[in-house]
Amino acid sequence: MVKLILVRHGQSVANAQNEYTGWSDVPLTTRGRQEALVAGRLLQQAQVSFAAVHTSVLQRAIITAYLIQEQCQALATPIYKSWRLNERHYGALRGLNKDYTRQKYGAHQVALWRRSYFSIPPKLQQVDTHIRAYQRYPQSILPRSESLAMALKRTIPYFQDQIAPRLKSNQNQLVVAHGSTLRALIKYLENISDQDIDGVEVKNAQPIIYEFNHDLQIITKRTLHS
């Protein structure tokens, strides 16, 4: 059986400060780096190997992936980085403290923005066009804000084109990404309803391992804990 391993990045500076992050390229905290190392050791101890790594173009996911590879003695394993695996874009909320937004907009509205499938946070007035990581792409990929449904729409084609074919070739794959894009993948893989996805949480640096048959139907799912 082939395996797909999903890992959310370790704690970021924005996580520690309880801020919305989205596409802001914030670093890991010292704790986040340690969490990534622990995730790698858990995979090594479970004897879970992988033939390729997939991550976003945001440093908190990339560094987490590198640290996992280091612990698994897999630094030579190919790593692929795509904007399609970026965190959901939180629009004008990014950089704001989550408690502050609850006070400003109300807890119910903030809960909808954070957890519901279709709700879109307040949009940026204009997109960021100066960031080097995206200058080789058309500006149409740059969002002003995203719902989880919009994040899923850009994430799933990457899974179908880049990850699924490798799984079907019996090659284990590791995806190191973000809470929302991993929730989108989980929704797709497990066929979770639009209503029930709001109850799905992905914790920092806790590897989730799916085992599939040859038709990519889920056989088992487990989460590794320290």
Protein backbone atom coordinates (compact mmCIF):
# COMPACT_ATOMS: atom_id res chain seq x y z
CA MET A 1 0.00 0.00 0.00
CA VAL A 2 1.24 3.46 -0.88
CA LYS A 3 1.34 6.26 1.68
CA LEU A 4 0.53 9.98 1.60
CA ILE A 5 1.92 11.94 4.54
CA LEU A 6 0.46 15.34 5.37
CA VAL A 7 2.22 17.70 7.78
CA ARG A 8 1.28 21.25 8.74
CA HIS A 9 4.29 23.48 9.32
CA GLY A 10 5.64 24.04 12.83
CA GLN A 11 4.62 27.03 14.89
CA SER A 12 5.22 30.32 13.06
CA VAL A 13 5.81 33.76 14.52
CA ALA A 14 2.24 34.67 13.52
CA ASN A 15 0.89 31.54 15.25
CA ALA A 16 2.70 32.55 18.42
CA GLN A 17 1.29 36.09 18.19
CA ASN A 18 -2.24 34.81 17.38
CA GLU A 19 -2.30 36.67 14.05
CA TYR A 20 -3.79 35.85 10.66
CA THR A 21 -1.03 34.93 8.25
CA GLY A 22 -2.23 33.72 4.86
CA TRP A 23 0.33 34.47 2.17
CA SER A 24 2.51 36.60 4.48
CA ASP A 25 5.92 34.93 4.54
CA VAL A 26 6.59 34.69 8.27
CA PRO A 27 9.35 32.50 9.78
CA LEU A 28 9.12 29.64 12.23
CA THR A 29 9.64 30.24 15.92
CA THR A 30 12.28 28.29 17.83
CA ARG A 31 9.43 26.11 19.05
CA GLY A 32 8.25 25.64 15.45
CA ARG A 33 11.66 24.40 14.36
CA GLN A 34 11.72 21.95 17.25
CA GLU A 35 8.23 20.74 16.31
CA ALA A 36 9.43 20.10 12.76
CA LEU A 37 12.39 18.09 14.03
CA VAL A 38 10.07 16.02 16.22
CA ALA A 39 7.76 15.38 13.24
CA GLY A 40 10.75 14.11 11.28
CA ARG A 41 11.84 11.83 14.10
CA LEU A 42 8.30 10.44 14.40
CA LEU A 43 8.32 9.54 10.71
CA GLN A 44 11.77 8.00 11.00
CA GLN A 45 10.78 5.95 14.06
CA ALA A 46 7.63 4.78 12.25
CA GLN A 47 9.86 3.79 9.30
CA VAL A 48 7.80 5.91 6.93
CA SER A 49 9.83 6.91 3.89
CA PHE A 50 8.88 9.13 0.96
CA ALA A 51 10.04 9.49 -2.63
CA ALA A 52 9.21 13.18 -3.03
CA VAL A 53 8.26 16.22 -0.96
CA HIS A 54 5.70 18.87 -1.92
CA THR A 55 5.40 22.22 -0.21
CA SER A 56 4.30 25.81 -0.71
CA VAL A 57 6.52 28.79 -1.55
CA LEU A 58 6.22 30.11 2.02
CA GLN A 59 9.24 29.72 4.27
CA ARG A 60 7.43 28.31 7.30
CA ALA A 61 6.43 25.27 5.24
CA ILE A 62 9.70 25.02 3.32
CA ILE A 63 11.89 25.10 6.44
CA THR A 64 9.61 22.58 8.14
CA ALA A 65 10.02 20.29 5.12
CA TYR A 66 13.82 20.65 5.19
CA LEU A 67 13.97 19.86 8.90
CA ILE A 68 11.79 16.78 8.43
CA GLN A 69 14.00 15.63 5.55
CA GLU A 70 17.08 16.14 7.71
CA GLN A 71 15.69 14.00 10.53
CA CYS A 72 14.66 11.30 8.04
CA GLN A 73 18.09 11.35 6.37
CA ALA A 74 16.28 12.32 3.18
CA LEU A 75 17.84 15.65 2.20
CA ALA A 76 18.55 14.27 -1.29
CA THR A 77 14.87 13.50 -1.84
CA PRO A 78 13.37 15.81 -4.51
CA ILE A 79 11.29 18.71 -3.17
CA TYR A 80 8.70 20.59 -5.24
CA LYS A 81 7.39 24.03 -4.27
CA SER A 82 4.14 25.47 -5.57
CA TRP A 83 2.00 28.52 -4.82
CA ARG A 84 -0.98 26.17 -5.14
CA LEU A 85 -0.09 24.74 -1.71
CA ASN A 86 0.12 28.20 -0.08
CA GLU A 87 -2.05 28.91 2.92
CA ARG A 88 -5.49 30.30 2.24
CA HIS A 89 -5.28 34.08 1.68
CA TYR A 90 -6.88 35.97 4.56
CA GLY A 91 -7.14 39.24 2.66
CA ALA A 92 -7.33 42.38 4.79
CA LEU A 93 -7.27 40.30 7.99
CA ARG A 94 -3.67 39.18 7.58
CA GLY A 95 -1.36 40.58 10.19
CA LEU A 96 -4.26 41.33 12.54
CA ASN A 97 -4.62 39.74 15.96
CA LYS A 98 -7.48 37.25 16.02
CA ASP A 99 -8.82 38.47 19.37
CA TYR A 100 -8.86 42.03 18.03
CA THR A 101 -10.91 40.96 15.00
CA ARG A 102 -13.43 39.25 17.30
CA GLN A 103 -13.84 42.51 19.18
CA LYS A 104 -14.16 44.53 15.96
CA TYR A 105 -16.36 42.23 13.85
CA GLY A 106 -17.93 39.93 16.41
CA ALA A 107 -17.09 36.34 17.33
CA HIS A 108 -19.75 34.85 15.03
CA GLN A 109 -18.50 36.67 11.94
CA VAL A 110 -14.87 35.77 12.68
CA ALA A 111 -15.85 32.13 13.19
CA LEU A 112 -17.49 32.15 9.75
CA TRP A 113 -14.40 33.66 8.11
CA ARG A 114 -12.09 31.16 9.78
CA ARG A 115 -14.03 27.91 9.62
CA SER A 116 -16.85 27.97 7.08
CA TYR A 117 -16.33 26.64 3.57
CA PHE A 118 -17.65 29.53 1.51
CA SER A 119 -17.16 32.66 3.65
CA ILE A 120 -14.60 35.14 2.24
CA PRO A 121 -12.70 37.48 4.61
CA PRO A 122 -12.51 41.23 3.81
CA LYS A 123 -10.51 41.73 0.62
CA LEU A 124 -7.29 43.62 0.11
CA GLN A 125 -7.75 46.82 -1.87
CA GLN A 126 -5.13 45.59 -4.33
CA VAL A 127 -2.96 42.51 -4.78
CA ASP A 128 0.75 42.36 -3.95
CA THR A 129 2.62 42.33 -7.26
CA HIS A 130 6.18 42.99 -6.08
CA ILE A 131 6.90 39.68 -4.28
CA ARG A 132 9.68 37.84 -6.12
CA ALA A 133 8.24 34.37 -5.56
CA TYR A 134 5.24 35.19 -7.77
CA GLN A 135 6.76 37.37 -10.47
CA ARG A 136 7.08 34.47 -12.92
CA TYR A 137 3.34 33.82 -12.73
CA PRO A 138 0.44 35.80 -14.20
CA GLN A 139 -1.05 38.30 -11.78
CA SER A 140 -4.33 36.37 -11.97
CA ILE A 141 -2.99 33.85 -9.43
CA LEU A 142 -2.67 36.54 -6.76
CA PRO A 143 -5.80 36.65 -4.59
CA ARG A 144 -7.20 39.59 -2.65
CA SER A 145 -8.88 37.14 -0.25
CA GLU A 146 -10.00 33.51 -0.31
CA SER A 147 -12.63 31.23 1.12
CA LEU A 148 -11.68 27.63 1.84
CA ALA A 149 -13.63 26.68 -1.29
CA MET A 150 -11.41 28.98 -3.37
CA ALA A 151 -8.26 27.55 -1.76
CA LEU A 152 -9.47 24.02 -2.55
CA LYS A 153 -10.06 24.98 -6.18
CA ARG A 154 -6.37 25.85 -6.64
CA THR A 155 -4.98 23.10 -4.40
CA ILE A 156 -6.70 20.01 -5.80
CA PRO A 157 -5.34 20.38 -9.38
CA TYR A 158 -1.83 20.20 -7.91
CA PHE A 159 -2.72 16.99 -6.10
CA GLN A 160 -4.28 15.50 -9.23
CA ASP A 161 -1.39 16.50 -11.53
CA GLN A 162 1.70 16.15 -9.33
CA ILE A 163 0.93 13.90 -6.36
CA ALA A 164 -1.70 11.36 -7.44
CA PRO A 165 0.33 10.03 -10.42
CA ARG A 166 3.30 9.38 -8.13
CA LEU A 167 1.07 7.62 -5.62
CA LYS A 168 -0.33 5.47 -8.41
CA SER A 169 3.28 4.57 -9.26
CA ASN A 170 3.60 3.26 -5.69
CA GLN A 171 5.79 6.14 -4.51
CA ASN A 172 5.10 7.49 -1.03
CA GLN A 173 4.61 11.27 -1.01
CA LEU A 174 5.10 13.88 1.73
CA VAL A 175 3.14 17.14 1.65
CA VAL A 176 4.23 19.89 4.04
CA ALA A 177 1.80 22.77 3.83
CA HIS A 178 -0.68 24.83 5.84
CA GLY A 179 -3.81 24.40 7.92
CA SER A 180 -6.28 25.47 5.25
CA THR A 181 -4.73 23.79 2.23
CA LEU A 182 -4.34 20.56 4.17
CA ARG A 183 -7.97 20.83 5.27
CA ALA A 184 -8.85 21.24 1.58
CA LEU A 185 -6.89 18.09 0.71
CA ILE A 186 -8.50 16.16 3.56
CA LYS A 187 -11.95 17.31 2.43
CA TYR A 188 -11.21 16.05 -1.07
CA LEU A 189 -9.64 12.76 0.01
CA GLU A 190 -12.30 11.87 2.56
CA ASN A 191 -15.25 13.37 0.67
CA ILE A 192 -16.19 15.53 3.66
CA SER A 193 -19.28 17.69 3.22
CA ASP A 194 -19.18 21.47 2.94
CA GLN A 195 -20.84 21.70 6.35
CA ASP A 196 -18.70 19.14 8.19
CA ILE A 197 -15.33 20.50 7.08
CA ASP A 198 -15.63 23.32 9.63
CA GLY A 199 -15.03 20.73 12.36
CA VAL A 200 -11.74 19.50 10.88
CA GLU A 201 -8.59 20.82 12.53
CA VAL A 202 -4.98 20.17 11.48
CA LYS A 203 -2.45 20.70 14.24
CA ASN A 204 1.08 21.97 13.74
CA ALA A 205 3.70 19.35 12.90
CA GLN A 206 1.63 16.22 13.61
CA PRO A 207 2.09 13.84 10.66
CA ILE A 208 -1.11 12.41 9.20
CA ILE A 209 -0.54 9.21 7.23
CA TYR A 210 -2.98 7.83 4.68
CA GLU A 211 -2.55 4.40 3.14
CA PHE A 212 -4.20 3.84 -0.24
CA ASN A 213 -4.91 0.91 -2.49
CA HIS A 214 -4.04 0.99 -6.20
CA ASP A 215 -7.20 2.99 -6.96
CA LEU A 216 -6.24 5.60 -4.33
CA GLN A 217 -9.05 4.57 -2.04
CA ILE A 218 -8.21 5.11 1.61
CA ILE A 219 -7.37 1.92 3.51
CA THR A 220 -6.14 3.45 6.79
CA LYS A 221 -5.51 6.84 8.34
CA ARG A 222 -3.43 7.54 11.43
CA THR A 223 -1.78 10.51 13.14
CA LEU A 224 1.66 10.31 14.75
CA HIS A 225 2.05 11.89 18.21
CA SER A 226 5.16 12.53 20.29
